[in-house]
């Protein structure tokens, strides 16, 4: 189950019937049982309540619900949550905003606002509000490359 505390956004259902919620301006507690501290302005990997998120703006899950990806607007990163173990890691990006392509934390985003997962589950597509483009992220290694749009 995915749930938020201090949520200001309405929940929505994905194609698989899972409930997904996010709050653009709130730091939250993502629950896959219990994950995240909800500490304002924090951003750290960890297990369960030791993980911290910074302004999560989008959530997408694999069809079987085993992995949840979280896009952070202010945190400028995409986080991966393994639901069974509640392990949270940074797939791509870093707190410092920018436009660099690269792998893992060497890549930079400008405010991730939306995520979509490809049908074969090999790629994430991340929309950047301030970057004015869509970037693709290979889920196997966090490699970030341009997809459509040009950074302004």
N, C-alpha and C. Protein backbone atom coordinates (compact mmCIF):
# COMPACT_ATOMS: atom_id res chain seq x y z
N UNK A 1 0.83 -1.19 0.00
CA UNK A 1 0.00 0.00 0.00
C UNK A 1 0.87 1.24 0.00
N UNK A 2 0.47 2.24 -0.77
CA UNK A 2 1.18 3.51 -0.82
C UNK A 2 0.26 4.55 -0.20
N UNK A 3 0.78 5.30 0.74
CA UNK A 3 -0.03 6.34 1.36
C UNK A 3 0.85 7.51 1.76
N UNK A 4 0.24 8.65 1.97
CA UNK A 4 0.98 9.85 2.36
C UNK A 4 0.40 10.43 3.63
N UNK A 5 1.27 11.05 4.41
CA UNK A 5 0.76 11.88 5.48
C UNK A 5 0.95 13.32 5.03
N UNK A 6 0.18 14.24 5.58
CA UNK A 6 0.23 15.66 5.22
C UNK A 6 0.01 15.86 3.73
N UNK A 7 -0.80 15.05 3.11
CA UNK A 7 -1.03 15.14 1.67
C UNK A 7 -2.06 16.20 1.35
N UNK A 8 -1.76 17.03 0.38
CA UNK A 8 -2.70 18.05 -0.08
C UNK A 8 -3.29 17.70 -1.44
N UNK A 9 -2.80 16.66 -2.07
CA UNK A 9 -3.28 16.27 -3.39
C UNK A 9 -4.30 15.15 -3.25
N UNK A 10 -5.17 15.06 -4.22
CA UNK A 10 -6.15 13.98 -4.22
C UNK A 10 -5.51 12.70 -4.75
N UNK A 11 -5.91 11.57 -4.24
CA UNK A 11 -5.36 10.31 -4.74
C UNK A 11 -5.89 10.00 -6.13
N UNK A 12 -5.12 9.21 -6.89
CA UNK A 12 -5.56 8.74 -8.18
C UNK A 12 -5.24 7.27 -8.29
N UNK A 13 -5.87 6.61 -9.24
CA UNK A 13 -5.61 5.19 -9.46
C UNK A 13 -4.87 5.03 -10.78
N UNK A 14 -3.86 4.14 -10.78
CA UNK A 14 -3.16 3.85 -12.02
C UNK A 14 -3.93 2.78 -12.79
N UNK A 15 -3.38 2.33 -13.93
CA UNK A 15 -4.05 1.35 -14.77
C UNK A 15 -4.26 0.01 -14.08
N UNK A 16 -3.51 -0.25 -13.03
CA UNK A 16 -3.59 -1.52 -12.34
C UNK A 16 -4.45 -1.45 -11.09
N UNK A 17 -5.07 -0.29 -10.86
CA UNK A 17 -5.96 -0.14 -9.71
C UNK A 17 -5.26 0.28 -8.43
N UNK A 18 -3.94 0.49 -8.49
CA UNK A 18 -3.21 0.91 -7.29
C UNK A 18 -3.48 2.38 -7.01
N UNK A 19 -3.56 2.74 -5.74
CA UNK A 19 -3.76 4.13 -5.37
C UNK A 19 -2.41 4.81 -5.29
N UNK A 20 -2.29 5.94 -5.98
CA UNK A 20 -1.05 6.72 -5.98
C UNK A 20 -1.38 8.14 -5.56
N UNK A 21 -0.56 8.70 -4.69
CA UNK A 21 -0.77 10.06 -4.24
C UNK A 21 0.57 10.77 -4.12
N UNK A 22 0.55 12.07 -4.30
CA UNK A 22 1.75 12.85 -4.05
C UNK A 22 1.34 14.27 -3.71
N UNK A 23 2.23 14.98 -3.10
CA UNK A 23 1.97 16.36 -2.73
C UNK A 23 3.13 17.21 -3.21
N UNK A 24 2.84 18.16 -4.08
CA UNK A 24 3.90 18.96 -4.69
C UNK A 24 4.70 19.78 -3.68
N UNK A 25 4.02 20.35 -2.71
CA UNK A 25 4.72 21.27 -1.82
C UNK A 25 4.99 20.68 -0.45
N UNK A 26 4.63 19.44 -0.25
CA UNK A 26 4.85 18.84 1.06
C UNK A 26 5.91 17.76 0.99
N UNK A 27 6.66 17.64 2.05
CA UNK A 27 7.57 16.52 2.20
C UNK A 27 6.72 15.46 2.88
N UNK A 28 6.85 14.21 2.50
CA UNK A 28 5.88 13.26 2.98
C UNK A 28 6.49 11.95 3.39
N UNK A 29 5.65 11.16 3.96
CA UNK A 29 5.98 9.83 4.40
C UNK A 29 5.39 8.86 3.39
N UNK A 30 6.22 8.34 2.48
CA UNK A 30 5.75 7.34 1.52
C UNK A 30 5.67 6.03 2.26
N UNK A 31 4.55 5.35 2.18
CA UNK A 31 4.39 4.11 2.92
C UNK A 31 4.35 2.93 2.01
N UNK A 32 5.30 2.06 2.18
CA UNK A 32 5.30 0.72 1.60
C UNK A 32 5.51 -0.10 2.86
N UNK A 33 4.50 -0.18 3.66
CA UNK A 33 4.44 -0.51 5.08
C UNK A 33 4.76 0.78 5.81
N UNK A 34 6.03 1.14 5.98
CA UNK A 34 6.37 2.43 6.57
C UNK A 34 7.71 2.86 6.01
N UNK A 35 7.72 3.87 5.17
CA UNK A 35 8.94 4.33 4.55
C UNK A 35 8.98 5.84 4.57
N UNK A 36 10.09 6.41 4.98
CA UNK A 36 10.31 7.85 4.94
C UNK A 36 9.96 8.54 6.24
N UNK A 37 10.72 9.58 6.56
CA UNK A 37 10.51 10.29 7.80
C UNK A 37 9.61 11.50 7.65
N UNK A 38 9.51 12.02 6.43
CA UNK A 38 8.72 13.23 6.24
C UNK A 38 9.44 14.47 6.74
N UNK A 39 10.74 14.40 7.01
CA UNK A 39 11.51 15.55 7.48
C UNK A 39 11.64 16.58 6.36
N UNK A 40 11.24 17.79 6.62
CA UNK A 40 11.24 18.83 5.61
C UNK A 40 12.64 19.12 5.09
N UNK A 41 12.77 19.14 3.76
CA UNK A 41 14.03 19.51 3.12
C UNK A 41 15.09 18.44 3.15
N UNK A 42 14.78 17.26 3.58
CA UNK A 42 15.76 16.19 3.68
C UNK A 42 15.74 15.32 2.44
N UNK A 43 16.85 14.61 2.21
CA UNK A 43 16.96 13.74 1.05
C UNK A 43 18.06 12.73 1.32
N UNK A 44 17.68 11.55 1.81
CA UNK A 44 18.71 10.54 2.05
C UNK A 44 18.14 9.14 1.82
N UNK A 45 19.00 8.26 1.31
CA UNK A 45 18.64 6.87 1.12
C UNK A 45 18.60 6.18 2.47
N UNK A 46 17.92 5.05 2.52
CA UNK A 46 17.85 4.30 3.77
C UNK A 46 16.80 3.22 3.70
N UNK A 47 16.54 2.63 4.83
CA UNK A 47 15.55 1.56 4.94
C UNK A 47 14.42 2.04 5.84
N UNK A 48 13.19 1.87 5.36
CA UNK A 48 12.03 2.22 6.17
C UNK A 48 12.04 3.67 6.60
N UNK A 49 11.90 3.89 7.88
CA UNK A 49 11.79 5.24 8.42
C UNK A 49 13.09 6.03 8.40
N UNK A 50 14.20 5.43 8.01
CA UNK A 50 15.45 6.20 7.91
C UNK A 50 15.57 6.93 6.58
N UNK A 51 14.77 6.55 5.59
CA UNK A 51 14.79 7.22 4.28
C UNK A 51 14.10 8.57 4.39
N UNK A 52 14.61 9.55 3.64
CA UNK A 52 14.01 10.88 3.64
C UNK A 52 13.80 11.34 2.21
N UNK A 53 12.67 12.05 1.98
CA UNK A 53 12.29 12.55 0.67
C UNK A 53 12.21 14.07 0.71
N UNK A 54 12.52 14.72 -0.42
CA UNK A 54 12.47 16.16 -0.52
C UNK A 54 11.52 16.56 -1.64
N UNK A 55 10.34 17.00 -1.29
CA UNK A 55 9.31 17.48 -2.21
C UNK A 55 8.97 16.47 -3.30
N UNK A 56 8.48 15.31 -2.92
CA UNK A 56 8.06 14.33 -3.93
C UNK A 56 6.88 14.87 -4.73
N UNK A 57 6.95 14.71 -6.05
CA UNK A 57 5.90 15.26 -6.90
C UNK A 57 5.22 14.21 -7.76
N UNK A 58 5.79 13.02 -7.87
CA UNK A 58 5.18 11.99 -8.70
C UNK A 58 5.57 10.61 -8.21
N UNK A 59 4.66 9.67 -8.45
CA UNK A 59 4.88 8.29 -8.03
C UNK A 59 4.41 7.38 -9.15
N UNK A 60 5.21 6.37 -9.49
CA UNK A 60 4.79 5.35 -10.44
C UNK A 60 5.30 4.01 -9.92
N UNK A 61 4.49 2.96 -10.09
CA UNK A 61 4.86 1.64 -9.59
C UNK A 61 4.91 0.64 -10.74
N UNK A 62 5.71 -0.41 -10.57
CA UNK A 62 5.72 -1.50 -11.53
C UNK A 62 4.35 -2.19 -11.47
N UNK A 63 3.96 -2.88 -12.53
CA UNK A 63 2.64 -3.52 -12.55
C UNK A 63 2.39 -4.46 -11.37
N UNK A 64 3.42 -5.14 -10.91
CA UNK A 64 3.23 -6.07 -9.78
C UNK A 64 3.35 -5.37 -8.43
N UNK A 65 3.66 -4.09 -8.44
CA UNK A 65 3.75 -3.32 -7.20
C UNK A 65 5.00 -3.57 -6.38
N UNK A 66 5.98 -4.24 -6.94
CA UNK A 66 7.18 -4.57 -6.17
C UNK A 66 8.16 -3.41 -6.06
N UNK A 67 8.11 -2.48 -7.00
CA UNK A 67 9.01 -1.32 -7.00
C UNK A 67 8.19 -0.08 -7.25
N UNK A 68 8.49 0.97 -6.48
CA UNK A 68 7.86 2.28 -6.64
C UNK A 68 8.96 3.28 -6.94
N UNK A 69 8.73 4.11 -7.96
CA UNK A 69 9.66 5.19 -8.29
C UNK A 69 9.02 6.51 -7.87
N UNK A 70 9.82 7.39 -7.25
CA UNK A 70 9.33 8.66 -6.74
C UNK A 70 10.14 9.78 -7.37
N UNK A 71 9.47 10.71 -8.04
CA UNK A 71 10.14 11.89 -8.60
C UNK A 71 10.05 13.03 -7.61
N UNK A 72 11.18 13.66 -7.35
CA UNK A 72 11.23 14.77 -6.38
C UNK A 72 11.41 16.08 -7.13
N UNK A 73 10.54 17.05 -6.87
CA UNK A 73 10.65 18.33 -7.56
C UNK A 73 11.79 19.17 -7.00
N UNK A 74 11.79 19.45 -5.71
CA UNK A 74 12.87 20.23 -5.11
C UNK A 74 14.12 19.37 -4.93
N UNK A 75 13.95 18.09 -4.67
CA UNK A 75 15.08 17.18 -4.51
C UNK A 75 15.78 16.85 -5.81
N UNK A 76 15.14 17.17 -6.97
CA UNK A 76 15.76 17.01 -8.29
C UNK A 76 16.32 15.61 -8.52
N UNK A 77 15.59 14.60 -8.08
CA UNK A 77 16.07 13.22 -8.21
C UNK A 77 14.91 12.26 -8.40
N UNK A 78 15.25 11.05 -8.83
CA UNK A 78 14.28 9.97 -8.92
C UNK A 78 14.75 8.90 -7.95
N UNK A 79 13.86 8.53 -7.04
CA UNK A 79 14.19 7.56 -6.01
C UNK A 79 13.50 6.24 -6.30
N UNK A 80 14.11 5.15 -5.91
CA UNK A 80 13.57 3.80 -6.11
C UNK A 80 13.28 3.20 -4.75
N UNK A 81 12.05 2.68 -4.58
CA UNK A 81 11.66 2.04 -3.34
C UNK A 81 11.34 0.58 -3.65
N UNK A 82 12.08 -0.34 -3.03
CA UNK A 82 11.77 -1.77 -3.13
C UNK A 82 10.75 -2.05 -2.03
N UNK A 83 9.53 -2.33 -2.42
CA UNK A 83 8.42 -2.39 -1.48
C UNK A 83 8.62 -3.47 -0.41
N UNK A 84 9.03 -4.66 -0.79
CA UNK A 84 9.15 -5.77 0.17
C UNK A 84 10.15 -5.47 1.28
N UNK A 85 11.27 -4.84 0.94
CA UNK A 85 12.31 -4.57 1.93
C UNK A 85 12.28 -3.14 2.46
N UNK A 86 11.49 -2.27 1.80
CA UNK A 86 11.40 -0.84 2.13
C UNK A 86 12.73 -0.11 1.94
N UNK A 87 13.61 -0.64 1.11
CA UNK A 87 14.89 0.00 0.82
C UNK A 87 14.68 1.12 -0.20
N UNK A 88 15.16 2.32 0.14
CA UNK A 88 15.06 3.49 -0.73
C UNK A 88 16.46 3.87 -1.20
N UNK A 89 16.63 3.97 -2.52
CA UNK A 89 17.90 4.39 -3.09
C UNK A 89 17.64 5.47 -4.13
N UNK A 90 18.66 6.25 -4.42
CA UNK A 90 18.57 7.25 -5.48
C UNK A 90 18.94 6.60 -6.79
N UNK A 91 17.99 6.54 -7.72
CA UNK A 91 18.25 5.96 -9.03
C UNK A 91 19.02 6.94 -9.90
N UNK A 92 18.60 8.20 -9.90
CA UNK A 92 19.24 9.21 -10.74
C UNK A 92 18.97 10.59 -10.17
N UNK A 93 19.93 11.48 -10.37
CA UNK A 93 19.78 12.86 -9.93
C UNK A 93 20.45 13.12 -8.60
N UNK A 94 20.37 14.39 -8.18
CA UNK A 94 21.01 14.86 -6.95
C UNK A 94 20.28 16.11 -6.49
N UNK A 95 20.46 16.52 -5.24
CA UNK A 95 19.75 17.71 -4.76
C UNK A 95 20.05 18.98 -5.55
N UNK A 96 21.24 19.08 -6.12
CA UNK A 96 21.62 20.27 -6.87
C UNK A 96 20.96 20.25 -8.26
N UNK A 97 20.15 21.27 -8.57
CA UNK A 97 19.46 21.34 -9.85
C UNK A 97 20.45 21.58 -10.98
N UNK A 98 20.14 21.00 -12.14
CA UNK A 98 20.99 21.20 -13.30
C UNK A 98 20.47 20.44 -14.50
N UNK A 99 21.26 20.39 -15.55
CA UNK A 99 20.81 19.78 -16.79
C UNK A 99 21.73 18.66 -17.28
N UNK A 100 22.62 18.19 -16.43
CA UNK A 100 23.62 17.20 -16.86
C UNK A 100 22.99 15.83 -17.10
N UNK A 101 23.31 15.23 -18.25
CA UNK A 101 23.00 13.83 -18.48
C UNK A 101 24.10 13.02 -17.79
N UNK A 102 23.84 11.77 -17.52
CA UNK A 102 24.82 10.94 -16.86
C UNK A 102 24.16 9.75 -16.21
N UNK A 103 24.91 9.05 -15.39
CA UNK A 103 24.40 7.86 -14.72
C UNK A 103 24.34 8.10 -13.21
N UNK A 104 23.21 7.70 -12.63
CA UNK A 104 23.04 7.81 -11.18
C UNK A 104 23.10 9.24 -10.69
N UNK A 105 23.87 9.47 -9.65
CA UNK A 105 23.94 10.81 -9.04
C UNK A 105 24.81 11.79 -9.82
N UNK A 106 25.42 11.36 -10.93
CA UNK A 106 26.14 12.32 -11.77
C UNK A 106 25.17 13.08 -12.69
N UNK A 107 23.95 12.57 -12.83
CA UNK A 107 22.92 13.26 -13.62
C UNK A 107 22.26 14.34 -12.77
N UNK A 108 21.71 15.35 -13.44
CA UNK A 108 20.99 16.41 -12.75
C UNK A 108 19.64 16.64 -13.43
N UNK A 109 18.66 17.03 -12.63
CA UNK A 109 17.33 17.38 -13.12
C UNK A 109 16.98 18.77 -12.64
N UNK A 110 16.03 19.40 -13.35
CA UNK A 110 15.42 20.65 -12.90
C UNK A 110 13.96 20.38 -12.56
N UNK A 111 13.69 19.97 -11.35
CA UNK A 111 12.33 19.82 -10.83
C UNK A 111 11.53 18.73 -11.55
N UNK A 112 11.74 17.49 -11.13
CA UNK A 112 10.99 16.36 -11.67
C UNK A 112 9.53 16.48 -11.22
N UNK A 113 8.62 16.55 -12.18
CA UNK A 113 7.20 16.74 -11.87
C UNK A 113 6.33 15.54 -12.21
N UNK A 114 6.77 14.69 -13.13
CA UNK A 114 5.96 13.55 -13.53
C UNK A 114 6.83 12.39 -13.96
N UNK A 115 6.34 11.17 -13.73
CA UNK A 115 7.05 9.96 -14.13
C UNK A 115 6.10 9.02 -14.85
N UNK A 116 6.63 8.31 -15.83
CA UNK A 116 5.89 7.24 -16.50
C UNK A 116 6.87 6.10 -16.71
N UNK A 117 6.38 4.89 -16.62
CA UNK A 117 7.20 3.69 -16.78
C UNK A 117 6.85 3.04 -18.12
N UNK A 118 7.87 2.68 -18.90
CA UNK A 118 7.62 2.04 -20.19
C UNK A 118 6.93 0.70 -19.99
N UNK A 119 6.25 0.23 -21.03
CA UNK A 119 5.51 -1.03 -20.96
C UNK A 119 6.42 -2.21 -20.61
N UNK A 120 7.66 -2.17 -21.11
CA UNK A 120 8.60 -3.27 -20.81
C UNK A 120 9.36 -3.04 -19.50
N UNK A 121 9.05 -1.95 -18.80
CA UNK A 121 9.63 -1.61 -17.50
C UNK A 121 11.13 -1.38 -17.51
N UNK A 122 11.69 -1.03 -18.67
CA UNK A 122 13.13 -0.77 -18.75
C UNK A 122 13.48 0.70 -18.69
N UNK A 123 12.50 1.57 -18.95
CA UNK A 123 12.76 3.00 -18.98
C UNK A 123 11.71 3.76 -18.19
N UNK A 124 12.17 4.80 -17.50
CA UNK A 124 11.28 5.79 -16.90
C UNK A 124 11.35 7.04 -17.77
N UNK A 125 10.26 7.75 -17.87
CA UNK A 125 10.23 9.03 -18.56
C UNK A 125 9.90 10.08 -17.52
N UNK A 126 10.77 11.07 -17.40
CA UNK A 126 10.65 12.09 -16.35
C UNK A 126 10.42 13.46 -16.99
N UNK A 127 9.33 14.12 -16.60
CA UNK A 127 9.10 15.48 -17.07
C UNK A 127 9.73 16.45 -16.07
N UNK A 128 10.41 17.43 -16.63
CA UNK A 128 11.06 18.46 -15.81
C UNK A 128 10.30 19.77 -15.95
N UNK A 129 9.77 20.26 -14.87
CA UNK A 129 9.02 21.51 -14.90
C UNK A 129 9.92 22.68 -15.32
N UNK A 130 11.02 22.86 -14.65
CA UNK A 130 11.91 23.98 -14.95
C UNK A 130 12.83 23.69 -16.12
N UNK A 131 13.06 22.44 -16.45
CA UNK A 131 13.89 22.09 -17.58
C UNK A 131 13.15 22.09 -18.90
N UNK A 132 11.81 22.12 -18.85
CA UNK A 132 10.96 22.18 -20.04
C UNK A 132 11.25 21.06 -21.04
N UNK A 133 11.43 19.84 -20.54
CA UNK A 133 11.70 18.71 -21.42
C UNK A 133 11.35 17.40 -20.73
N UNK A 134 11.40 16.33 -21.51
CA UNK A 134 11.20 14.98 -21.01
C UNK A 134 12.53 14.25 -21.16
N UNK A 135 12.95 13.58 -20.10
CA UNK A 135 14.20 12.81 -20.14
C UNK A 135 13.88 11.35 -19.88
N UNK A 136 14.70 10.47 -20.43
CA UNK A 136 14.51 9.04 -20.20
C UNK A 136 15.59 8.54 -19.25
N UNK A 137 15.19 7.62 -18.38
CA UNK A 137 16.07 7.07 -17.36
C UNK A 137 16.02 5.55 -17.46
N UNK A 138 17.14 4.94 -17.74
CA UNK A 138 17.21 3.48 -17.80
C UNK A 138 17.17 2.94 -16.37
N UNK A 139 16.19 2.10 -16.07
CA UNK A 139 16.00 1.65 -14.69
C UNK A 139 17.09 0.68 -14.23
N UNK A 140 17.78 0.02 -15.15
CA UNK A 140 18.83 -0.93 -14.75
C UNK A 140 20.04 -0.26 -14.13
N UNK A 141 20.35 0.98 -14.56
CA UNK A 141 21.55 1.63 -14.05
C UNK A 141 21.40 3.13 -13.78
N UNK A 142 20.21 3.70 -14.01
CA UNK A 142 20.01 5.12 -13.75
C UNK A 142 20.59 6.04 -14.79
N UNK A 143 20.87 5.55 -15.99
CA UNK A 143 21.43 6.38 -17.07
C UNK A 143 20.36 7.34 -17.57
N UNK A 144 20.66 8.66 -17.52
CA UNK A 144 19.72 9.71 -17.93
C UNK A 144 20.17 10.28 -19.26
N UNK A 145 19.24 10.31 -20.22
CA UNK A 145 19.50 10.88 -21.55
C UNK A 145 18.28 11.70 -21.98
N UNK A 146 18.47 12.63 -22.93
CA UNK A 146 17.32 13.41 -23.42
C UNK A 146 16.34 12.52 -24.17
N UNK A 147 15.06 12.88 -24.12
CA UNK A 147 14.05 12.17 -24.90
C UNK A 147 13.41 13.15 -25.87
N UNK A 148 12.67 14.12 -25.36
CA UNK A 148 12.10 15.18 -26.22
C UNK A 148 12.19 16.51 -25.49
N UNK A 149 12.25 17.58 -26.28
CA UNK A 149 12.33 18.92 -25.72
C UNK A 149 13.78 19.37 -25.57
N UNK A 150 13.92 20.67 -25.45
CA UNK A 150 15.24 21.28 -25.33
C UNK A 150 15.30 22.09 -24.06
N UNK A 151 16.36 21.93 -23.28
CA UNK A 151 16.53 22.71 -22.06
C UNK A 151 16.66 24.18 -22.43
N UNK A 152 15.89 25.04 -21.76
CA UNK A 152 15.95 26.49 -22.02
C UNK A 152 16.86 27.17 -21.06
